[in-house]
């Protein structure tokens, strides 16, 4: 089975930091906000009824880890 092309925040945090916690979640969001990780934002942060979700391309995680493609 192949790896998914888009990862959730939890999956990306586990891939980068080895675990998913409030600390690693905040680190990942910080990397997204700074532009170090190019993520796909789904939803609007201005719509209070709907939460913003991020999808992180696997290639972004591989690039940060230095994996060969």
C-alpha atoms as a PDB file:
ATOM      1  CA  UNK A   1       0.000   0.000   0.000  1.00  0.00           C
ATOM      2  CA  UNK A   2       1.322   3.429  -0.890  1.00  0.00           C
ATOM      3  CA  UNK A   3       1.576   6.367   1.469  1.00  0.00           C
ATOM      4  CA  UNK A   4      -1.086   9.078   1.164  1.00  0.00           C
ATOM      5  CA  UNK A   5      -0.085  12.147  -0.830  1.00  0.00           C
ATOM      6  CA  UNK A   6      -1.708  14.507   1.680  1.00  0.00           C
ATOM      7  CA  UNK A   7      -1.270  14.178   5.425  1.00  0.00           C
ATOM      8  CA  UNK A   8      -3.327  15.488   8.290  1.00  0.00           C
ATOM      9  CA  UNK A   9      -1.637  17.663  10.892  1.00  0.00           C
ATOM     10  CA  UNK A  10      -1.447  14.666  13.236  1.00  0.00           C
ATOM     11  CA  UNK A  11       0.141  12.432  10.593  1.00  0.00           C
ATOM     12  CA  UNK A  12       2.629  15.127   9.577  1.00  0.00           C
ATOM     13  CA  UNK A  13       3.608  15.807  13.199  1.00  0.00           C
ATOM     14  CA  UNK A  14       4.213  12.092  13.780  1.00  0.00           C
ATOM     15  CA  UNK A  15       6.298  11.878  10.608  1.00  0.00           C
ATOM     16  CA  UNK A  16       8.418  14.906  11.550  1.00  0.00           C
ATOM     17  CA  UNK A  17       8.671  14.715  15.324  1.00  0.00           C
ATOM     18  CA  UNK A  18       7.885  11.082  16.114  1.00  0.00           C
ATOM     19  CA  UNK A  19       4.739  11.902  18.084  1.00  0.00           C
ATOM     20  CA  UNK A  20       1.596  13.989  18.004  1.00  0.00           C
ATOM     21  CA  UNK A  21       0.984  16.241  21.001  1.00  0.00           C
ATOM     22  CA  UNK A  22      -0.097  19.806  21.626  1.00  0.00           C
ATOM     23  CA  UNK A  23       3.556  20.861  21.422  1.00  0.00           C
ATOM     24  CA  UNK A  24       4.260  19.158  18.088  1.00  0.00           C
ATOM     25  CA  UNK A  25       0.936  20.419  16.716  1.00  0.00           C
ATOM     26  CA  UNK A  26       1.917  24.002  17.593  1.00  0.00           C
ATOM     27  CA  UNK A  27       5.383  23.491  16.069  1.00  0.00           C
ATOM     28  CA  UNK A  28       3.821  22.263  12.844  1.00  0.00           C
ATOM     29  CA  UNK A  29       1.378  25.182  12.693  1.00  0.00           C
ATOM     30  CA  UNK A  30       4.309  27.528  13.288  1.00  0.00           C
ATOM     31  CA  UNK A  31       6.190  25.975  10.356  1.00  0.00           C
ATOM     32  CA  UNK A  32       3.099  26.382   8.181  1.00  0.00           C
ATOM     33  CA  UNK A  33       2.566  30.021   9.215  1.00  0.00           C
ATOM     34  CA  UNK A  34       6.224  30.881   8.594  1.00  0.00           C
ATOM     35  CA  UNK A  35       6.105  29.360   5.108  1.00  0.00           C
ATOM     36  CA  UNK A  36       8.635  26.615   5.852  1.00  0.00           C
ATOM     37  CA  UNK A  37       5.918  24.073   4.993  1.00  0.00           C
ATOM     38  CA  UNK A  38       3.543  24.742   2.123  1.00  0.00           C
ATOM     39  CA  UNK A  39       0.197  23.363   3.239  1.00  0.00           C
ATOM     40  CA  UNK A  40      -3.258  23.389   1.712  1.00  0.00           C
ATOM     41  CA  UNK A  41      -5.773  25.269   3.847  1.00  0.00           C
ATOM     42  CA  UNK A  42      -9.313  23.916   3.753  1.00  0.00           C
ATOM     43  CA  UNK A  43     -11.939  26.167   5.210  1.00  0.00           C
ATOM     44  CA  UNK A  44     -11.861  29.755   6.264  1.00  0.00           C
ATOM     45  CA  UNK A  45     -10.439  31.066   9.488  1.00  0.00           C
ATOM     46  CA  UNK A  46     -13.070  33.825   9.290  1.00  0.00           C
ATOM     47  CA  UNK A  47     -16.010  31.395   9.373  1.00  0.00           C
ATOM     48  CA  UNK A  48     -16.650  30.565  13.033  1.00  0.00           C
ATOM     49  CA  UNK A  49     -18.949  27.659  12.168  1.00  0.00           C
ATOM     50  CA  UNK A  50     -16.288  25.810  10.251  1.00  0.00           C
ATOM     51  CA  UNK A  51     -12.790  25.059  11.462  1.00  0.00           C
ATOM     52  CA  UNK A  52      -9.769  25.566   9.270  1.00  0.00           C
ATOM     53  CA  UNK A  53      -8.020  22.328   8.412  1.00  0.00           C
ATOM     54  CA  UNK A  54      -4.621  21.926   6.864  1.00  0.00           C
ATOM     55  CA  UNK A  55      -3.447  19.180   4.547  1.00  0.00           C
ATOM     56  CA  UNK A  56       0.303  18.784   4.244  1.00  0.00           C
ATOM     57  CA  UNK A  57       1.762  17.256   1.082  1.00  0.00           C
ATOM     58  CA  UNK A  58       4.013  14.286   1.820  1.00  0.00           C
ATOM     59  CA  UNK A  59       6.721  15.831  -0.377  1.00  0.00           C
ATOM     60  CA  UNK A  60       6.946  18.770   2.077  1.00  0.00           C
ATOM     61  CA  UNK A  61       7.621  16.398   4.970  1.00  0.00           C
ATOM     62  CA  UNK A  62      10.165  14.446   2.934  1.00  0.00           C
ATOM     63  CA  UNK A  63      11.946  17.674   1.975  1.00  0.00           C
ATOM     64  CA  UNK A  64      12.221  18.786   5.618  1.00  0.00           C
ATOM     65  CA  UNK A  65      13.491  15.379   6.673  1.00  0.00           C
ATOM     66  CA  UNK A  66      15.951  15.304   3.761  1.00  0.00           C
ATOM     67  CA  UNK A  67      14.527  12.105   2.283  1.00  0.00           C
ATOM     68  CA  UNK A  68      15.479  11.225  -1.258  1.00  0.00           C
ATOM     69  CA  UNK A  69      12.626  11.244  -3.716  1.00  0.00           C
END
